[in-house]
Amino acid sequence: MSDPFRSVRGMNPSNEEVSVKTDPSGMPLSVHRSGRTWVVGAEPLRWYERTTWWRDAQRMPKGQGRMDVQVWRVQARLGRNERSELVTMDLERAGDGGPWRLREGVAA
């Protein structure tokens, strides 16, 4: 994994919406952001987290007993250039299949 303390130029860990291409199981294969495509170059990690719904709403949305998001940590390189440095990105998606968001990006 890369050093989590060096930021990637142009990456903004502000939950920016991105387009993610996945395989049939839902595993990310590439990330499209700001006109550039980052291709996943290593096995991604996935985990689930509970959302902090109370920060955005006064009560939990009706009919939902819990609010989970899936998070994928991927290492990707710009395009298909094997000599391009791997960059670590944390991608987030709501459990209901909402949009993908870039949570964080750090350099290798």
PDB file of N, CA and C in Angstrom:
ATOM      1  N   MET A   1       0.840  -1.179   0.000  1.00  0.00           N
ATOM      2  CA  MET A   1       0.000   0.000   0.000  1.00  0.00           C
ATOM      3  C   MET A   1       0.885   1.241   0.000  1.00  0.00           C
ATOM      4  N   SER A   2       0.303   2.335  -0.377  1.00  0.00           N
ATOM      5  CA  SER A   2       1.056   3.577  -0.475  1.00  0.00           C
ATOM      6  C   SER A   2       1.108   4.311   0.861  1.00  0.00           C
ATOM      7  N   ASP A   3       1.960   5.311   0.910  1.00  0.00           N
ATOM      8  CA  ASP A   3       2.106   6.155   2.095  1.00  0.00           C
ATOM      9  C   ASP A   3       0.874   7.047   2.228  1.00  0.00           C
ATOM     10  N   PRO A   4       0.067   6.900   3.277  1.00  0.00           N
ATOM     11  CA  PRO A   4      -1.188   7.634   3.376  1.00  0.00           C
ATOM     12  C   PRO A   4      -1.041   9.109   3.729  1.00  0.00           C
ATOM     13  N   PHE A   5       0.183   9.616   3.805  1.00  0.00           N
ATOM     14  CA  PHE A   5       0.359  11.004   4.204  1.00  0.00           C
ATOM     15  C   PHE A   5       0.751  11.920   3.057  1.00  0.00           C
ATOM     16  N   ARG A   6       0.986  11.387   1.869  1.00  0.00           N
ATOM     17  CA  ARG A   6       1.334  12.215   0.722  1.00  0.00           C
ATOM     18  C   ARG A   6       0.114  12.366  -0.172  1.00  0.00           C
ATOM     19  N   SER A   7      -0.364  13.568  -0.362  1.00  0.00           N
ATOM     20  CA  SER A   7      -1.559  13.814  -1.169  1.00  0.00           C
ATOM     21  C   SER A   7      -1.241  13.795  -2.648  1.00  0.00           C
ATOM     22  N   VAL A   8      -2.222  13.383  -3.430  1.00  0.00           N
ATOM     23  CA  VAL A   8      -2.120  13.405  -4.881  1.00  0.00           C
ATOM     24  C   VAL A   8      -2.544  14.780  -5.370  1.00  0.00           C
ATOM     25  N   ARG A   9      -1.776  15.369  -6.256  1.00  0.00           N
ATOM     26  CA  ARG A   9      -2.124  16.654  -6.824  1.00  0.00           C
ATOM     27  C   ARG A   9      -3.476  16.567  -7.516  1.00  0.00           C
ATOM     28  N   GLY A  10      -4.381  17.457  -7.176  1.00  0.00           N
ATOM     29  CA  GLY A  10      -5.684  17.490  -7.829  1.00  0.00           C
ATOM     30  C   GLY A  10      -6.731  16.609  -7.184  1.00  0.00           C
ATOM     31  N   MET A  11      -6.364  15.773  -6.234  1.00  0.00           N
ATOM     32  CA  MET A  11      -7.353  14.926  -5.570  1.00  0.00           C
ATOM     33  C   MET A  11      -7.907  15.673  -4.376  1.00  0.00           C
ATOM     34  N   ASN A  12      -9.200  15.631  -4.223  1.00  0.00           N
ATOM     35  CA  ASN A  12      -9.858  16.346  -3.142  1.00  0.00           C
ATOM     36  C   ASN A  12     -10.700  15.361  -2.349  1.00  0.00           C
ATOM     37  N   PRO A  13     -10.333  15.062  -1.106  1.00  0.00           N
ATOM     38  CA  PRO A  13     -11.088  14.080  -0.331  1.00  0.00           C
ATOM     39  C   PRO A  13     -12.391  14.652   0.221  1.00  0.00           C
ATOM     40  N   SER A  14     -13.226  15.221  -0.653  1.00  0.00           N
ATOM     41  CA  SER A  14     -14.438  15.879  -0.197  1.00  0.00           C
ATOM     42  C   SER A  14     -15.695  15.137  -0.635  1.00  0.00           C
ATOM     43  N   ASN A  15     -15.615  13.826  -0.768  1.00  0.00           N
ATOM     44  CA  ASN A  15     -16.754  13.021  -1.190  1.00  0.00           C
ATOM     45  C   ASN A  15     -17.270  13.441  -2.559  1.00  0.00           C
ATOM     46  N   GLU A  16     -16.362  13.666  -3.468  1.00  0.00           N
ATOM     47  CA  GLU A  16     -16.689  14.024  -4.852  1.00  0.00           C
ATOM     48  C   GLU A  16     -17.295  12.817  -5.571  1.00  0.00           C
ATOM     49  N   GLU A  17     -18.345  13.043  -6.336  1.00  0.00           N
ATOM     50  CA  GLU A  17     -18.974  11.956  -7.091  1.00  0.00           C
ATOM     51  C   GLU A  17     -18.087  11.580  -8.274  1.00  0.00           C
ATOM     52  N   VAL A  18     -17.880  10.260  -8.460  1.00  0.00           N
ATOM     53  CA  VAL A  18     -17.068   9.744  -9.559  1.00  0.00           C
ATOM     54  C   VAL A  18     -17.821   8.606 -10.237  1.00  0.00           C
ATOM     55  N   SER A  19     -17.373   8.248 -11.426  1.00  0.00           N
ATOM     56  CA  SER A  19     -17.954   7.129 -12.163  1.00  0.00           C
ATOM     57  C   SER A  19     -17.024   5.928 -11.984  1.00  0.00           C
ATOM     58  N   VAL A  20     -17.593   4.786 -11.604  1.00  0.00           N
ATOM     59  CA  VAL A  20     -16.793   3.588 -11.352  1.00  0.00           C
ATOM     60  C   VAL A  20     -17.311   2.442 -12.213  1.00  0.00           C
ATOM     61  N   LYS A  21     -16.410   1.815 -12.951  1.00  0.00           N
ATOM     62  CA  LYS A  21     -16.750   0.614 -13.729  1.00  0.00           C
ATOM     63  C   LYS A  21     -16.428  -0.587 -12.849  1.00  0.00           C
ATOM     64  N   THR A  22     -17.374  -1.527 -12.739  1.00  0.00           N
ATOM     65  CA  THR A  22     -17.190  -2.689 -11.872  1.00  0.00           C
ATOM     66  C   THR A  22     -17.319  -3.985 -12.661  1.00  0.00           C
ATOM     67  N   ASP A  23     -16.844  -5.078 -12.052  1.00  0.00           N
ATOM     68  CA  ASP A  23     -17.090  -6.395 -12.622  1.00  0.00           C
ATOM     69  C   ASP A  23     -18.478  -6.859 -12.160  1.00  0.00           C
ATOM     70  N   PRO A  24     -18.968  -8.030 -12.614  1.00  0.00           N
ATOM     71  CA  PRO A  24     -20.314  -8.475 -12.238  1.00  0.00           C
ATOM     72  C   PRO A  24     -20.534  -8.620 -10.724  1.00  0.00           C
ATOM     73  N   SER A  25     -19.472  -8.839  -9.953  1.00  0.00           N
ATOM     74  CA  SER A  25     -19.626  -8.978  -8.503  1.00  0.00           C
ATOM     75  C   SER A  25     -19.651  -7.625  -7.790  1.00  0.00           C
ATOM     76  N   GLY A  26     -19.399  -6.523  -8.514  1.00  0.00           N
ATOM     77  CA  GLY A  26     -19.406  -5.196  -7.914  1.00  0.00           C
ATOM     78  C   GLY A  26     -18.030  -4.661  -7.561  1.00  0.00           C
ATOM     79  N   MET A  27     -16.971  -5.424  -7.845  1.00  0.00           N
ATOM     80  CA  MET A  27     -15.617  -4.979  -7.535  1.00  0.00           C
ATOM     81  C   MET A  27     -15.169  -3.923  -8.553  1.00  0.00           C
ATOM     82  N   PRO A  28     -14.652  -2.772  -8.085  1.00  0.00           N
ATOM     83  CA  PRO A  28     -14.212  -1.718  -9.006  1.00  0.00           C
ATOM     84  C   PRO A  28     -13.071  -2.169  -9.916  1.00  0.00           C
ATOM     85  N   LEU A  29     -13.189  -1.800 -11.202  1.00  0.00           N
ATOM     86  CA  LEU A  29     -12.156  -2.070 -12.191  1.00  0.00           C
ATOM     87  C   LEU A  29     -11.461  -0.784 -12.629  1.00  0.00           C
ATOM     88  N   SER A  30     -12.222   0.320 -12.667  1.00  0.00           N
ATOM     89  CA  SER A  30     -11.641   1.608 -13.037  1.00  0.00           C
ATOM     90  C   SER A  30     -12.483   2.736 -12.441  1.00  0.00           C
ATOM     91  N   VAL A  31     -11.833   3.893 -12.303  1.00  0.00           N
ATOM     92  CA  VAL A  31     -12.471   5.089 -11.749  1.00  0.00           C
ATOM     93  C   VAL A  31     -12.294   6.205 -12.765  1.00  0.00           C
ATOM     94  N   HIS A  32     -13.395   6.844 -13.150  1.00  0.00           N
ATOM     95  CA  HIS A  32     -13.342   7.964 -14.092  1.00  0.00           C
ATOM     96  C   HIS A  32     -13.624   9.242 -13.313  1.00  0.00           C
ATOM     97  N   ARG A  33     -12.653  10.171 -13.360  1.00  0.00           N
ATOM     98  CA  ARG A  33     -12.752  11.408 -12.600  1.00  0.00           C
ATOM     99  C   ARG A  33     -12.113  12.546 -13.376  1.00  0.00           C
ATOM    100  N   SER A  34     -12.829  13.635 -13.523  1.00  0.00           N
ATOM    101  CA  SER A  34     -12.302  14.845 -14.171  1.00  0.00           C
ATOM    102  C   SER A  34     -11.701  14.558 -15.549  1.00  0.00           C
ATOM    103  N   GLY A  35     -12.379  13.725 -16.323  1.00  0.00           N
ATOM    104  CA  GLY A  35     -11.918  13.427 -17.675  1.00  0.00           C
ATOM    105  C   GLY A  35     -10.772  12.438 -17.756  1.00  0.00           C
ATOM    106  N   ARG A  36     -10.376  11.855 -16.646  1.00  0.00           N
ATOM    107  CA  ARG A  36      -9.263  10.896 -16.616  1.00  0.00           C
ATOM    108  C   ARG A  36      -9.753   9.551 -16.091  1.00  0.00           C
ATOM    109  N   THR A  37      -9.163   8.482 -16.597  1.00  0.00           N
ATOM    110  CA  THR A  37      -9.524   7.140 -16.149  1.00  0.00           C
ATOM    111  C   THR A  37      -8.357   6.527 -15.400  1.00  0.00           C
ATOM    112  N   TRP A  38      -8.653   6.068 -14.179  1.00  0.00           N
ATOM    113  CA  TRP A  38      -7.683   5.393 -13.325  1.00  0.00           C
ATOM    114  C   TRP A  38      -8.044   3.913 -13.333  1.00  0.00           C
ATOM    115  N   VAL A  39      -7.115   3.051 -13.750  1.00  0.00           N
ATOM    116  CA  VAL A  39      -7.363   1.611 -13.849  1.00  0.00           C
ATOM    117  C   VAL A  39      -6.824   0.917 -12.600  1.00  0.00           C
ATOM    118  N   VAL A  40      -7.659   0.106 -11.976  1.00  0.00           N
ATOM    119  CA  VAL A  40      -7.270  -0.610 -10.764  1.00  0.00           C
ATOM    120  C   VAL A  40      -6.150  -1.588 -11.109  1.00  0.00           C
ATOM    121  N   GLY A  41      -5.057  -1.515 -10.338  1.00  0.00           N
ATOM    122  CA  GLY A  41      -3.877  -2.312 -10.638  1.00  0.00           C
ATOM    123  C   GLY A  41      -3.500  -3.301  -9.552  1.00  0.00           C
ATOM    124  N   ALA A  42      -4.313  -3.422  -8.508  1.00  0.00           N
ATOM    125  CA  ALA A  42      -4.047  -4.361  -7.414  1.00  0.00           C
ATOM    126  C   ALA A  42      -5.381  -4.792  -6.819  1.00  0.00           C
ATOM    127  N   GLU A  43      -5.367  -5.873  -6.102  1.00  0.00           N
ATOM    128  CA  GLU A  43      -6.598  -6.399  -5.483  1.00  0.00           C
ATOM    129  C   GLU A  43      -7.177  -5.381  -4.501  1.00  0.00           C
ATOM    130  N   PRO A  44      -8.430  -4.938  -4.724  1.00  0.00           N
ATOM    131  CA  PRO A  44      -9.033  -3.960  -3.811  1.00  0.00           C
ATOM    132  C   PRO A  44      -9.476  -4.588  -2.492  1.00  0.00           C
ATOM    133  N   LEU A  45      -9.603  -3.751  -1.490  1.00  0.00           N
ATOM    134  CA  LEU A  45     -10.134  -4.168  -0.184  1.00  0.00           C
ATOM    135  C   LEU A  45     -11.531  -3.590  -0.031  1.00  0.00           C
ATOM    136  N   ARG A  46     -12.448  -4.352   0.583  1.00  0.00           N
ATOM    137  CA  ARG A  46     -13.804  -3.852   0.794  1.00  0.00           C
ATOM    138  C   ARG A  46     -14.205  -4.043   2.243  1.00  0.00           C
ATOM    139  N   TRP A  47     -14.917  -3.045   2.771  1.00  0.00           N
ATOM    140  CA  TRP A  47     -15.520  -3.160   4.093  1.00  0.00           C
ATOM    141  C   TRP A  47     -16.796  -2.334   4.108  1.00  0.00           C
ATOM    142  N   TYR A  48     -17.582  -2.506   5.167  1.00  0.00           N
ATOM    143  CA  TYR A  48     -18.843  -1.778   5.316  1.00  0.00           C
ATOM    144  C   TYR A  48     -18.786  -0.921   6.568  1.00  0.00           C
ATOM    145  N   GLU A  49     -19.434   0.231   6.513  1.00  0.00           N
ATOM    146  CA  GLU A  49     -19.495   1.136   7.656  1.00  0.00           C
ATOM    147  C   GLU A  49     -20.922   1.604   7.844  1.00  0.00           C
ATOM    148  N   ARG A  50     -21.251   1.931   9.076  1.00  0.00           N
ATOM    149  CA  ARG A  50     -22.536   2.563   9.367  1.00  0.00           C
ATOM    150  C   ARG A  50     -22.405   4.046   9.062  1.00  0.00           C
ATOM    151  N   THR A  51     -23.407   4.610   8.453  1.00  0.00           N
ATOM    152  CA  THR A  51     -23.373   6.042   8.172  1.00  0.00           C
ATOM    153  C   THR A  51     -23.765   6.830   9.411  1.00  0.00           C
ATOM    154  N   THR A  52     -23.362   8.057   9.442  1.00  0.00           N
ATOM    155  CA  THR A  52     -23.739   8.965  10.529  1.00  0.00           C
ATOM    156  C   THR A  52     -24.936   9.778  10.049  1.00  0.00           C
ATOM    157  N   TRP A  53     -26.075   9.112   9.897  1.00  0.00           N
ATOM    158  CA  TRP A  53     -27.280   9.739   9.351  1.00  0.00           C
ATOM    159  C   TRP A  53     -27.730  10.929  10.185  1.00  0.00           C
ATOM    160  N   TRP A  54     -27.424  10.915  11.482  1.00  0.00           N
ATOM    161  CA  TRP A  54     -27.873  11.985  12.368  1.00  0.00           C
ATOM    162  C   TRP A  54     -27.202  13.320  12.061  1.00  0.00           C
ATOM    163  N   ARG A  55     -26.106  13.296  11.303  1.00  0.00           N
ATOM    164  CA  ARG A  55     -25.458  14.551  10.908  1.00  0.00           C
ATOM    165  C   ARG A  55     -26.217  15.256   9.783  1.00  0.00           C
ATOM    166  N   ASP A  56     -26.946  14.479   8.971  1.00  0.00           N
ATOM    167  CA  ASP A  56     -27.627  15.030   7.806  1.00  0.00           C
ATOM    168  C   ASP A  56     -29.137  15.128   7.967  1.00  0.00           C
ATOM    169  N   ALA A  57     -29.698  14.422   8.946  1.00  0.00           N
ATOM    170  CA  ALA A  57     -31.152  14.409   9.103  1.00  0.00           C
ATOM    171  C   ALA A  57     -31.499  14.389  10.584  1.00  0.00           C
ATOM    172  N   GLN A  58     -32.722  14.805  10.889  1.00  0.00           N
ATOM    173  CA  GLN A  58     -33.152  14.811  12.284  1.00  0.00           C
ATOM    174  C   GLN A  58     -33.567  13.427  12.751  1.00  0.00           C
ATOM    175  N   ARG A  59     -33.931  12.555  11.795  1.00  0.00           N
ATOM    176  CA  ARG A  59     -34.282  11.186  12.159  1.00  0.00           C
ATOM    177  C   ARG A  59     -33.916  10.242  11.039  1.00  0.00           C
ATOM    178  N   MET A  60     -33.793   8.970  11.373  1.00  0.00           N
ATOM    179  CA  MET A  60     -33.438   7.966  10.387  1.00  0.00           C
ATOM    180  C   MET A  60     -34.562   7.864   9.357  1.00  0.00           C
ATOM    181  N   PRO A  61     -34.216   7.729   8.079  1.00  0.00           N
ATOM    182  CA  PRO A  61     -35.253   7.610   7.061  1.00  0.00           C
ATOM    183  C   PRO A  61     -36.198   6.442   7.341  1.00  0.00           C
ATOM    184  N   LYS A  62     -37.484   6.652   7.104  1.00  0.00           N
ATOM    185  CA  LYS A  62     -38.526   5.669   7.386  1.00  0.00           C
ATOM    186  C   LYS A  62     -38.271   4.376   6.619  1.00  0.00           C
ATOM    187  N   GLY A  63     -38.450   3.261   7.315  1.00  0.00           N
ATOM    188  CA  GLY A  63     -38.315   1.955   6.690  1.00  0.00           C
ATOM    189  C   GLY A  63     -36.899   1.415   6.629  1.00  0.00           C
ATOM    190  N   GLN A  64     -35.930   2.149   7.130  1.00  0.00           N
ATOM    191  CA  GLN A  64     -34.554   1.679   7.084  1.00  0.00           C
ATOM    192  C   GLN A  64     -34.046   1.470   8.505  1.00  0.00           C
ATOM    193  N   GLY A  65     -33.796   0.214   8.844  1.00  0.00           N
ATOM    194  CA  GLY A  65     -33.333  -0.100  10.181  1.00  0.00           C
ATOM    195  C   GLY A  65     -31.891   0.304  10.416  1.00  0.00           C
ATOM    196  N   ARG A  66     -31.121   0.369   9.354  1.00  0.00           N
ATOM    197  CA  ARG A  66     -29.740   0.820   9.473  1.00  0.00           C
ATOM    198  C   ARG A  66     -29.289   1.362   8.128  1.00  0.00           C
ATOM    199  N   MET A  67     -28.276   2.172   8.154  1.00  0.00           N
ATOM    200  CA  MET A  67     -27.776   2.822   6.943  1.00  0.00           C
ATOM    201  C   MET A  67     -26.302   2.449   6.790  1.00  0.00           C
ATOM    202  N   ASP A  68     -26.007   1.550   5.874  1.00  0.00           N
ATOM    203  CA  ASP A  68     -24.635   1.124   5.652  1.00  0.00           C
ATOM    204  C   ASP A  68     -24.110   1.664   4.327  1.00  0.00           C
ATOM    205  N   VAL A  69     -22.799   1.856   4.285  1.00  0.00           N
ATOM    206  CA  VAL A  69     -22.123   2.174   3.033  1.00  0.00           C
ATOM    207  C   VAL A  69     -21.035   1.132   2.841  1.00  0.00           C
ATOM    208  N   GLN A  70     -20.764   0.827   1.573  1.00  0.00           N
ATOM    209  CA  GLN A  70     -19.621  -0.037   1.305  1.00  0.00           C
ATOM    210  C   GLN A  70     -18.468   0.856   0.887  1.00  0.00           C
ATOM    211  N   VAL A  71     -17.301   0.514   1.356  1.00  0.00           N
ATOM    212  CA  VAL A  71     -16.095   1.279   1.058  1.00  0.00           C
ATOM    213  C   VAL A  71     -15.108   0.336   0.390  1.00  0.00           C
ATOM    214  N   TRP A  72     -14.553   0.791  -0.704  1.00  0.00           N
ATOM    215  CA  TRP A  72     -13.515   0.036  -1.411  1.00  0.00           C
ATOM    216  C   TRP A  72     -12.235   0.858  -1.399  1.00  0.00           C
ATOM    217  N   ARG A  73     -11.148   0.264  -0.967  1.00  0.00           N
ATOM    218  CA  ARG A  73      -9.827   0.890  -1.078  1.00  0.00           C
ATOM    219  C   ARG A  73      -9.164   0.254  -2.291  1.00  0.00           C
ATOM    220  N   VAL A  74      -8.913   1.074  -3.311  1.00  0.00           N
ATOM    221  CA  VAL A  74      -8.316   0.575  -4.543  1.00  0.00           C
ATOM    222  C   VAL A  74      -6.979   1.249  -4.779  1.00  0.00           C
ATOM    223  N   GLN A  75      -6.101   0.529  -5.451  1.00  0.00           N
ATOM    224  CA  GLN A  75      -4.849   1.097  -5.932  1.00  0.00           C
ATOM    225  C   GLN A  75      -4.975   1.110  -7.444  1.00  0.00           C
ATOM    226  N   ALA A  76      -4.856   2.294  -8.020  1.00  0.00           N
ATOM    227  CA  ALA A  76      -5.068   2.451  -9.455  1.00  0.00           C
ATOM    228  C   ALA A  76      -3.974   3.316 -10.048  1.00  0.00           C
ATOM    229  N   ARG A  77      -3.808   3.159 -11.361  1.00  0.00           N
ATOM    230  CA  ARG A  77      -2.832   3.981 -12.077  1.00  0.00           C
ATOM    231  C   ARG A  77      -3.553   4.711 -13.191  1.00  0.00           C
ATOM    232  N   LEU A  78      -3.012   5.835 -13.565  1.00  0.00           N
ATOM    233  CA  LEU A  78      -3.599   6.649 -14.612  1.00  0.00           C
ATOM    234  C   LEU A  78      -3.494   5.900 -15.938  1.00  0.00           C
ATOM    235  N   GLY A  79      -4.626   5.608 -16.544  1.00  0.00           N
ATOM    236  CA  GLY A  79      -4.659   4.876 -17.807  1.00  0.00           C
ATOM    237  C   GLY A  79      -4.119   3.465 -17.661  1.00  0.00           C
ATOM    238  N   ARG A  80      -3.609   2.940 -18.739  1.00  0.00           N
ATOM    239  CA  ARG A  80      -3.075   1.572 -18.728  1.00  0.00           C
ATOM    240  C   ARG A  80      -1.543   1.557 -18.749  1.00  0.00           C
ATOM    241  N   ASN A  81      -0.935   2.675 -18.401  1.00  0.00           N
ATOM    242  CA  ASN A  81       0.517   2.788 -18.382  1.00  0.00           C
ATOM    243  C   ASN A  81       1.060   2.040 -17.165  1.00  0.00           C
ATOM    244  N   GLU A  82       1.705   0.913 -17.388  1.00  0.00           N
ATOM    245  CA  GLU A  82       2.249   0.096 -16.299  1.00  0.00           C
ATOM    246  C   GLU A  82       3.329   0.831 -15.506  1.00  0.00           C
ATOM    247  N   ARG A  83       3.930   1.877 -16.083  1.00  0.00           N
ATOM    248  CA  ARG A  83       4.973   2.625 -15.377  1.00  0.00           C
ATOM    249  C   ARG A  83       4.403   3.756 -14.539  1.00  0.00           C
ATOM    250  N   SER A  84       3.117   4.012 -14.667  1.00  0.00           N
ATOM    251  CA  SER A  84       2.466   5.052 -13.861  1.00  0.00           C
ATOM    252  C   SER A  84       2.392   4.588 -12.408  1.00  0.00           C
ATOM    253  N   GLU A  85       2.631   5.537 -11.469  1.00  0.00           N
ATOM    254  CA  GLU A  85       2.569   5.199 -10.041  1.00  0.00           C
ATOM    255  C   GLU A  85       1.165   4.772  -9.635  1.00  0.00           C
ATOM    256  N   LEU A  86       1.092   3.802  -8.731  1.00  0.00           N
ATOM    257  CA  LEU A  86      -0.198   3.437  -8.164  1.00  0.00           C
ATOM    258  C   LEU A  86      -0.623   4.507  -7.168  1.00  0.00           C
ATOM    259  N   VAL A  87      -1.898   4.832  -7.194  1.00  0.00           N
ATOM    260  CA  VAL A  87      -2.498   5.807  -6.291  1.00  0.00           C
ATOM    261  C   VAL A  87      -3.569   5.075  -5.503  1.00  0.00           C
ATOM    262  N   THR A  88      -3.641   5.310  -4.207  1.00  0.00           N
ATOM    263  CA  THR A  88      -4.654   4.681  -3.369  1.00  0.00           C
ATOM    264  C   THR A  88      -5.847   5.614  -3.249  1.00  0.00           C
ATOM    265  N   MET A  89      -7.039   5.065  -3.504  1.00  0.00           N
ATOM    266  CA  MET A  89      -8.282   5.828  -3.400  1.00  0.00           C
ATOM    267  C   MET A  89      -9.267   5.053  -2.544  1.00  0.00           C
ATOM    268  N   ASP A  90      -9.993   5.760  -1.709  1.00  0.00           N
ATOM    269  CA  ASP A  90     -11.102   5.164  -0.970  1.00  0.00           C
ATOM    270  C   ASP A  90     -12.386   5.596  -1.654  1.00  0.00           C
ATOM    271  N   LEU A  91     -13.141   4.614  -2.135  1.00  0.00           N
ATOM    272  CA  LEU A  91     -14.400   4.852  -2.828  1.00  0.00           C
ATOM    273  C   LEU A  91     -15.539   4.410  -1.928  1.00  0.00           C
ATOM    274  N   GLU A  92     -16.606   5.170  -1.936  1.00  0.00           N
ATOM    275  CA  GLU A  92     -17.746   4.883  -1.060  1.00  0.00           C
ATOM    276  C   GLU A  92     -19.013   4.824  -1.900  1.00  0.00           C
ATOM    277  N   ARG A  93     -19.892   3.883  -1.524  1.00  0.00           N
ATOM    278  CA  ARG A  93     -21.187   3.775  -2.189  1.00  0.00           C
ATOM    279  C   ARG A  93     -22.228   3.360  -1.165  1.00  0.00           C
ATOM    280  N   ALA A  94     -23.358   4.045  -1.173  1.00  0.00           N
ATOM    281  CA  ALA A  94     -24.434   3.708  -0.245  1.00  0.00           C
ATOM    282  C   ALA A  94     -24.922   2.285  -0.515  1.00  0.00           C
ATOM    283  N   GLY A  95     -25.383   1.632   0.533  1.00  0.00           N
ATOM    284  CA  GLY A  95     -25.861   0.256   0.426  1.00  0.00           C
ATOM    285  C   GLY A  95     -27.028   0.085  -0.516  1.00  0.00           C
ATOM    286  N   ASP A  96     -27.766   1.163  -0.792  1.00  0.00           N
ATOM    287  CA  ASP A  96     -28.899   1.075  -1.703  1.00  0.00           C
ATOM    288  C   ASP A  96     -28.498   1.257  -3.164  1.00  0.00           C
ATOM    289  N   GLY A  97     -27.195   1.300  -3.436  1.00  0.00           N
ATOM    290  CA  GLY A  97     -26.724   1.421  -4.814  1.00  0.00           C
ATOM    291  C   GLY A  97     -26.676   2.845  -5.331  1.00  0.00           C
ATOM    292  N   GLY A  98     -26.520   3.800  -4.468  1.00  0.00           N
ATOM    293  CA  GLY A  98     -26.432   5.206  -4.871  1.00  0.00           C
ATOM    294  C   GLY A  98     -25.151   5.491  -5.648  1.00  0.00           C
ATOM    295  N   PRO A  99     -24.842   6.774  -5.849  1.00  0.00           N
ATOM    296  CA  PRO A  99     -23.643   7.129  -6.618  1.00  0.00           C
ATOM    297  C   PRO A  99     -22.350   6.792  -5.871  1.00  0.00           C
ATOM    298  N   TRP A 100     -21.295   6.579  -6.637  1.00  0.00           N
ATOM    299  CA  TRP A 100     -19.971   6.370  -6.071  1.00  0.00           C
ATOM    300  C   TRP A 100     -19.389   7.730  -5.704  1.00  0.00           C
ATOM    301  N   ARG A 101     -18.646   7.764  -4.590  1.00  0.00           N
ATOM    302  CA  ARG A 101     -17.986   8.985  -4.158  1.00  0.00           C
ATOM    303  C   ARG A 101     -16.530   8.688  -3.823  1.00  0.00           C
ATOM    304  N   LEU A 102     -15.670   9.624  -4.208  1.00  0.00           N
ATOM    305  CA  LEU A 102     -14.253   9.535  -3.856  1.00  0.00           C
ATOM    306  C   LEU A 102     -14.110  10.103  -2.476  1.00  0.00           C
ATOM    307  N   ARG A 103     -13.711   9.277  -1.551  1.00  0.00           N
ATOM    308  CA  ARG A 103     -13.578   9.685  -0.168  1.00  0.00           C
ATOM    309  C   ARG A 103     -12.200  10.269   0.097  1.00  0.00           C
ATOM    310  N   GLU A 104     -11.188   9.660  -0.501  1.00  0.00           N
ATOM    311  CA  GLU A 104      -9.816  10.055  -0.203  1.00  0.00           C
ATOM    312  C   GLU A 104      -8.907   9.584  -1.323  1.00  0.00           C
ATOM    313  N   GLY A 105      -7.831  10.302  -1.565  1.00  0.00           N
ATOM    314  CA  GLY A 105      -6.846   9.874  -2.543  1.00  0.00           C
ATOM    315  C   GLY A 105      -5.449  10.190  -2.054  1.00  0.00           C
ATOM    316  N   VAL A 106      -4.573   9.213  -2.100  1.00  0.00           N
ATOM    317  CA  VAL A 106      -3.200   9.407  -1.652  1.00  0.00           C
ATOM    318  C   VAL A 106      -2.239   8.757  -2.649  1.00  0.00           C
ATOM    319  N   ALA A 107      -1.016   9.234  -2.691  1.00  0.00           N
ATOM    320  CA  ALA A 107      -0.052   8.763  -3.678  1.00  0.00           C
ATOM    321  C   ALA A 107       0.803   7.621  -3.171  1.00  0.00           C
ATOM    322  N   ALA A 108       1.341   6.878  -4.114  1.00  0.00           N
ATOM    323  CA  ALA A 108       2.244   5.766  -3.798  1.00  0.00           C
ATOM    324  C   ALA A 108       3.611   6.275  -3.450  1.00  0.00           C
TER     325      ALA A 108
END
